[in-house]
C-alpha atoms as a PDB file:
ATOM      1  CA  MET A   1      43.551 233.835 179.135  1.00  0.00           C
ATOM      2  CA  ILE A   2      43.984 232.477 182.361  1.00  0.00           C
ATOM      3  CA  GLU A   3      43.622 229.491 180.556  1.00  0.00           C
ATOM      4  CA  ASN A   4      46.664 228.622 178.712  1.00  0.00           C
ATOM      5  CA  MET A   5      48.698 229.073 182.294  1.00  0.00           C
ATOM      6  CA  ASP A   6      50.490 226.157 183.404  1.00  0.00           C
ATOM      7  CA  PHE A   7      49.974 227.338 187.130  1.00  0.00           C
ATOM      8  CA  THR A   8      51.624 223.940 187.698  1.00  0.00           C
ATOM      9  CA  ALA A   9      55.086 225.818 185.776  1.00  0.00           C
ATOM     10  CA  MET A  10      54.421 228.918 187.878  1.00  0.00           C
ATOM     11  CA  VAL A  11      54.335 227.696 191.182  1.00  0.00           C
ATOM     12  CA  LYS A  12      57.238 225.408 191.303  1.00  0.00           C
ATOM     13  CA  LYS A  13      59.395 228.669 189.040  1.00  0.00           C
ATOM     14  CA  LEU A  14      58.130 230.921 192.399  1.00  0.00           C
ATOM     15  CA  SER A  15      58.716 228.012 194.654  1.00  0.00           C
ATOM     16  CA  ALA A  16      62.872 227.763 193.705  1.00  0.00           C
ATOM     17  CA  GLU A  17      63.850 231.122 193.900  1.00  0.00           C
ATOM     18  CA  PHE A  18      62.137 231.266 197.091  1.00  0.00           C
ATOM     19  CA  ASP A  19      64.115 228.609 198.622  1.00  0.00           C
ATOM     20  CA  ALA A  20      67.636 230.181 196.667  1.00  0.00           C
ATOM     21  CA  LEU A  21      66.168 233.613 198.028  1.00  0.00           C
ATOM     22  CA  ILE A  22      65.891 231.420 201.551  1.00  0.00           C
ATOM     23  CA  GLY A  23      68.996 229.461 201.263  1.00  0.00           C
ATOM     24  CA  GLU A  24      71.217 232.844 200.685  1.00  0.00           C
ATOM     25  CA  ARG A  25      69.777 234.331 203.725  1.00  0.00           C
ATOM     26  CA  GLU A  26      70.684 232.369 205.549  1.00  0.00           C
ATOM     27  CA  GLU A  27      74.421 232.916 203.872  1.00  0.00           C
ATOM     28  CA  ILE A  28      74.486 236.124 205.010  1.00  0.00           C
ATOM     29  CA  ARG A  29      73.632 235.677 208.488  1.00  0.00           C
ATOM     30  CA  ALA A  30      75.836 233.406 208.818  1.00  0.00           C
ATOM     31  CA  GLN A  31      79.581 235.959 207.210  1.00  0.00           C
ATOM     32  CA  SER A  32      77.538 238.661 209.625  1.00  0.00           C
ATOM     33  CA  GLU A  33      77.841 236.758 212.168  1.00  0.00           C
ATOM     34  CA  LYS A  34      81.221 235.489 211.754  1.00  0.00           C
ATOM     35  CA  LEU A  35      81.899 239.158 211.293  1.00  0.00           C
ATOM     36  CA  LYS A  36      80.194 239.866 214.559  1.00  0.00           C
ATOM     37  CA  ALA A  37      82.287 237.460 216.017  1.00  0.00           C
ATOM     38  CA  ARG A  38      85.913 239.261 214.484  1.00  0.00           C
ATOM     39  CA  ALA A  39      84.283 242.458 215.061  1.00  0.00           C
ATOM     40  CA  GLU A  40      84.005 241.709 219.013  1.00  0.00           C
ATOM     41  CA  GLU A  41      87.720 239.661 219.000  1.00  0.00           C
ATOM     42  CA  ILE A  42      89.802 242.850 217.144  1.00  0.00           C
ATOM     43  CA  GLU A  43      87.738 245.702 220.138  1.00  0.00           C
ATOM     44  CA  ARG A  44      89.380 242.737 222.791  1.00  0.00           C
ATOM     45  CA  LYS A  45      92.339 242.834 221.176  1.00  0.00           C
ATOM     46  CA  LEU A  46      92.841 247.216 220.168  1.00  0.00           C
ATOM     47  CA  LYS A  47      91.167 247.264 224.448  1.00  0.00           C
ATOM     48  CA  GLY A  48      94.083 244.338 225.408  1.00  0.00           C
ATOM     49  CA  ILE A  49      96.865 246.852 223.216  1.00  0.00           C
ATOM     50  CA  GLN A  50      95.495 250.154 223.790  1.00  0.00           C
ATOM     51  CA  THR A  51      95.566 249.363 228.495  1.00  0.00           C
ATOM     52  CA  THR A  52      99.869 247.589 227.172  1.00  0.00           C
ATOM     53  CA  LEU A  53     100.148 251.472 225.929  1.00  0.00           C
ATOM     54  CA  GLN A  54      98.966 253.072 229.070  1.00  0.00           C
ATOM     55  CA  GLY A  55     101.040 250.333 231.159  1.00  0.00           C
ATOM     56  CA  LEU A  56     103.971 250.828 229.476  1.00  0.00           C
ATOM     57  CA  THR A  57     103.949 254.947 228.993  1.00  0.00           C
ATOM     58  CA  LEU A  58     103.710 254.903 233.355  1.00  0.00           C
ATOM     59  CA  TYR A  59     106.886 252.404 233.370  1.00  0.00           C
ATOM     60  CA  THR A  60     109.048 254.045 230.897  1.00  0.00           C
ATOM     61  CA  SER A  61     107.962 258.145 232.174  1.00  0.00           C
ATOM     62  CA  SER A  62     108.447 256.409 235.693  1.00  0.00           C
ATOM     63  CA  GLN A  63     111.967 256.331 234.370  1.00  0.00           C
ATOM     64  CA  GLU A  64     112.267 259.627 234.230  1.00  0.00           C
ATOM     65  CA  VAL A  65     113.953 262.666 236.341  1.00  0.00           C
ATOM     66  CA  PRO A  66     110.310 264.293 237.864  1.00  0.00           C
ATOM     67  CA  THR A  67     109.510 267.163 236.512  1.00  0.00           C
ATOM     68  CA  GLU A  68     109.705 271.227 238.114  1.00  0.00           C
ATOM     69  CA  LEU A  69     105.382 270.249 238.270  1.00  0.00           C
ATOM     70  CA  MET A  70     106.428 267.843 240.315  1.00  0.00           C
ATOM     71  CA  LYS A  71     108.466 268.721 243.185  1.00  0.00           C
ATOM     72  CA  LYS A  72     107.820 271.374 246.171  1.00  0.00           C
ATOM     73  CA  THR A  73     110.210 271.937 248.686  1.00  0.00           C
ATOM     74  CA  THR A  74     111.015 271.556 252.274  1.00  0.00           C
ATOM     75  CA  THR A  75     113.290 272.637 255.050  1.00  0.00           C
ATOM     76  CA  THR A  76     113.455 272.013 258.914  1.00  0.00           C
ATOM     77  CA  VAL A  77     112.346 275.181 260.901  1.00  0.00           C
ATOM     78  CA  ALA A  78     115.708 274.759 262.303  1.00  0.00           C
ATOM     79  CA  GLU A  79     117.286 275.509 258.792  1.00  0.00           C
ATOM     80  CA  ALA A  80     115.227 278.032 257.926  1.00  0.00           C
ATOM     81  CA  MET A  81     115.277 280.485 261.264  1.00  0.00           C
ATOM     82  CA  LYS A  82     119.213 279.651 260.570  1.00  0.00           C
ATOM     83  CA  ARG A  83     118.994 281.402 256.936  1.00  0.00           C
ATOM     84  CA  MET A  84     117.084 284.072 258.118  1.00  0.00           C
ATOM     85  CA  LYS A  85     119.446 284.867 260.509  1.00  0.00           C
ATOM     86  CA  SER A  86     122.451 285.152 258.411  1.00  0.00           C
ATOM     87  CA  ALA A  87     120.542 286.769 255.299  1.00  0.00           C
ATOM     88  CA  GLY A  88     118.599 289.130 258.066  1.00  0.00           C
ATOM     89  CA  GLU A  89     115.471 289.896 255.682  1.00  0.00           C
ATOM     90  CA  ILE A  90     112.555 289.329 256.724  1.00  0.00           C
ATOM     91  CA  ALA A  91     110.574 286.429 257.227  1.00  0.00           C
ATOM     92  CA  ALA A  92     107.679 286.720 255.344  1.00  0.00           C
ATOM     93  CA  GLU A  93     109.057 287.613 251.807  1.00  0.00           C
ATOM     94  CA  MET A  94     112.097 284.666 251.868  1.00  0.00           C
ATOM     95  CA  GLU A  95     111.186 282.064 250.399  1.00  0.00           C
ATOM     96  CA  ILE A  96     113.737 279.324 251.372  1.00  0.00           C
ATOM     97  CA  PRO A  97     114.687 275.942 248.766  1.00  0.00           C
ATOM     98  CA  GLY A  98     115.359 272.360 250.423  1.00  0.00           C
ATOM     99  CA  PRO A  99     115.557 269.153 249.092  1.00  0.00           C
ATOM    100  CA  ASP A 100     113.131 268.200 245.958  1.00  0.00           C
ATOM    101  CA  VAL A 101     110.065 266.558 246.994  1.00  0.00           C
ATOM    102  CA  LYS A 102     107.473 264.682 245.809  1.00  0.00           C
ATOM    103  CA  LYS A 103     104.290 266.739 245.455  1.00  0.00           C
ATOM    104  CA  THR A 104     101.040 264.966 245.765  1.00  0.00           C
ATOM    105  CA  LEU A 105      98.591 264.310 243.526  1.00  0.00           C
ATOM    106  CA  THR A 106      96.412 266.605 244.791  1.00  0.00           C
ATOM    107  CA  GLU A 107      98.522 269.038 244.317  1.00  0.00           C
ATOM    108  CA  CYS A 108     100.054 268.712 241.550  1.00  0.00           C
ATOM    109  CA  CYS A 109      96.446 268.577 239.850  1.00  0.00           C
ATOM    110  CA  ARG A 110      96.408 271.535 241.319  1.00  0.00           C
ATOM    111  CA  ASP A 111      98.560 273.178 239.717  1.00  0.00           C
ATOM    112  CA  ILE A 112      97.621 271.777 236.177  1.00  0.00           C
ATOM    113  CA  LEU A 113      94.238 273.055 236.609  1.00  0.00           C
ATOM    114  CA  ARG A 114      95.798 276.434 238.105  1.00  0.00           C
ATOM    115  CA  GLN A 115      97.791 276.575 234.607  1.00  0.00           C
ATOM    116  CA  ARG A 116      95.468 275.725 232.810  1.00  0.00           C
ATOM    117  CA  ASN A 117      92.883 278.028 233.650  1.00  0.00           C
ATOM    118  CA  ASP A 118      90.040 276.389 231.651  1.00  0.00           C
ATOM    119  CA  TRP A 119      87.511 273.603 232.149  1.00  0.00           C
ATOM    120  CA  MET A 120      88.982 269.863 232.515  1.00  0.00           C
ATOM    121  CA  THR A 121      88.095 266.325 231.855  1.00  0.00           C
ATOM    122  CA  PRO A 122      89.698 263.880 234.259  1.00  0.00           C
ATOM    123  CA  VAL A 123      91.176 262.094 231.560  1.00  0.00           C
ATOM    124  CA  GLU A 124      92.568 265.646 230.406  1.00  0.00           C
ATOM    125  CA  VAL A 125      93.593 266.120 233.649  1.00  0.00           C
ATOM    126  CA  ARG A 126      95.999 262.359 233.610  1.00  0.00           C
ATOM    127  CA  ASP A 127      96.430 263.151 229.897  1.00  0.00           C
ATOM    128  CA  ALA A 128      98.785 266.901 231.593  1.00  0.00           C
ATOM    129  CA  LEU A 129      99.730 264.316 234.260  1.00  0.00           C
ATOM    130  CA  LEU A 130     101.661 261.857 232.359  1.00  0.00           C
ATOM    131  CA  ALA A 131     102.898 264.933 230.313  1.00  0.00           C
ATOM    132  CA  ALA A 132     104.943 266.172 233.078  1.00  0.00           C
ATOM    133  CA  GLY A 133     106.428 263.129 233.926  1.00  0.00           C
ATOM    134  CA  TYR A 134     104.109 262.125 236.978  1.00  0.00           C
ATOM    135  CA  ASP A 135     104.850 258.746 238.534  1.00  0.00           C
ATOM    136  CA  PHE A 136     102.102 256.036 238.523  1.00  0.00           C
ATOM    137  CA  SER A 137     104.043 253.272 239.645  1.00  0.00           C
ATOM    138  CA  SER A 138     103.553 252.794 243.112  1.00  0.00           C
ATOM    139  CA  TYR A 139      99.596 253.146 242.794  1.00  0.00           C
ATOM    140  CA  THR A 140      97.762 249.983 243.759  1.00  0.00           C
ATOM    141  CA  SER A 141      94.342 252.529 241.705  1.00  0.00           C
ATOM    142  CA  PRO A 142      94.397 253.604 237.891  1.00  0.00           C
ATOM    143  CA  PRO A 143      95.314 256.476 237.699  1.00  0.00           C
ATOM    144  CA  LEU A 144      92.143 258.221 236.264  1.00  0.00           C
ATOM    145  CA  SER A 145      90.018 256.842 239.466  1.00  0.00           C
ATOM    146  CA  SER A 146      92.687 257.723 241.289  1.00  0.00           C
ATOM    147  CA  ILE A 147      92.259 261.662 239.363  1.00  0.00           C
ATOM    148  CA  HIS A 148      88.075 261.263 240.038  1.00  0.00           C
ATOM    149  CA  THR A 149      89.308 260.964 244.081  1.00  0.00           C
ATOM    150  CA  ALA A 150      91.957 263.690 244.301  1.00  0.00           C
ATOM    151  CA  LEU A 151      89.262 266.158 241.532  1.00  0.00           C
ATOM    152  CA  LYS A 152      86.309 265.479 244.291  1.00  0.00           C
ATOM    153  CA  ARG A 153      88.160 265.753 247.732  1.00  0.00           C
ATOM    154  CA  MET A 154      89.563 269.194 246.811  1.00  0.00           C
ATOM    155  CA  LEU A 155      87.858 272.320 248.589  1.00  0.00           C
ATOM    156  CA  PRO A 156      84.747 273.469 247.159  1.00  0.00           C
ATOM    157  CA  ASP A 157      86.359 277.388 247.079  1.00  0.00           C
ATOM    158  CA  GLU A 158      88.619 275.591 245.042  1.00  0.00           C
ATOM    159  CA  LEU A 159      86.854 275.005 241.624  1.00  0.00           C
ATOM    160  CA  LEU A 160      84.104 274.994 239.785  1.00  0.00           C
ATOM    161  CA  THR A 161      82.533 271.508 239.268  1.00  0.00           C
ATOM    162  CA  GLU A 162      80.241 272.006 235.973  1.00  0.00           C
ATOM    163  CA  THR A 163      78.537 268.187 234.831  1.00  0.00           C
ATOM    164  CA  ARG A 164      77.399 268.013 230.198  1.00  0.00           C
ATOM    165  CA  ALA A 165      76.880 265.288 228.310  1.00  0.00           C
ATOM    166  CA  ASP A 166      80.020 263.947 227.988  1.00  0.00           C
ATOM    167  CA  GLY A 167      80.551 263.939 232.307  1.00  0.00           C
ATOM    168  CA  GLN A 168      82.042 266.184 235.233  1.00  0.00           C
ATOM    169  CA  VAL A 169      84.886 269.145 234.359  1.00  0.00           C
ATOM    170  CA  TYR A 170      86.653 270.879 236.072  1.00  0.00           C
ATOM    171  CA  ARG A 171      88.014 274.401 236.186  1.00  0.00           C
ATOM    172  CA  TRP A 172      90.110 276.584 239.082  1.00  0.00           C
ATOM    173  CA  ALA A 173      88.141 278.746 240.918  1.00  0.00           C
ATOM    174  CA  GLY A 174      90.408 281.468 240.946  1.00  0.00           C
ATOM    175  CA  LYS A 175      91.345 281.054 244.932  1.00  0.00           C
ATOM    176  CA  GLN A 176      94.313 280.183 246.313  1.00  0.00           C
ATOM    177  CA  ASP A 177      94.486 277.026 248.571  1.00  0.00           C
ATOM    178  CA  LYS A 178      95.066 277.181 251.799  1.00  0.00           C
ATOM    179  CA  SER A 179      97.425 275.208 252.368  1.00  0.00           C
ATOM    180  CA  PRO A 180     101.173 275.896 253.445  1.00  0.00           C
ATOM    181  CA  ARG A 181     103.479 275.782 251.111  1.00  0.00           C
ATOM    182  CA  GLY A 182     106.334 273.523 250.981  1.00  0.00           C
ATOM    183  CA  PHE A 183     104.148 271.621 254.712  1.00  0.00           C
ATOM    184  CA  VAL A 184     104.654 267.595 254.140  1.00  0.00           C
ATOM    185  CA  PRO A 185     102.523 266.043 257.780  1.00  0.00           C
ATOM    186  CA  MET A 186     105.388 263.663 259.073  1.00  0.00           C
ATOM    187  CA  ASN A 187     104.676 260.007 258.458  1.00  0.00           C
ATOM    188  CA  THR A 188     102.543 260.808 255.805  1.00  0.00           C
ATOM    189  CA  PRO A 189     104.850 259.556 252.274  1.00  0.00           C
ATOM    190  CA  ALA A 190     104.542 262.073 249.700  1.00  0.00           C
ATOM    191  CA  ARG A 191     102.867 260.619 246.512  1.00  0.00           C
END
């Protein structure tokens, strides 16, 4: 039976099939490389559009009137004394309204964490600040970088921190902050 088989024809047939499969494999690899390059191009464009949208969001939100979250009030000692004398109230129980002054980023982060009273990532803090209308337009560093810095500067007894698989998370510890309300140091621009 082996004597009747034409090995030359069989070799030619298998060689042709082998060459065709090699050619098809090369075509598929070339198409795969083109698709991979296109996917990378699309990813770059998506990131560019996302960055542009974030910038536009910051720009449009900076045009809005500050929300209550971003306001704090200050007044001079002379004005406070005048009101206390005229009102005849006890100074420790008296709240004195003053002109609206923007809160610092740290104060706003503190308020966000205090209000939420749950674990938050810096990205969630940023999103909450943007939703509240916080204006990052005067910042030279990216908002998320500034938020990371503000959170790390908070007193250890103010925040609880936890490292998770997806990064650092923060939670209000329930302690009162040490800074007096309404106090703005001289020659320090409010952010």
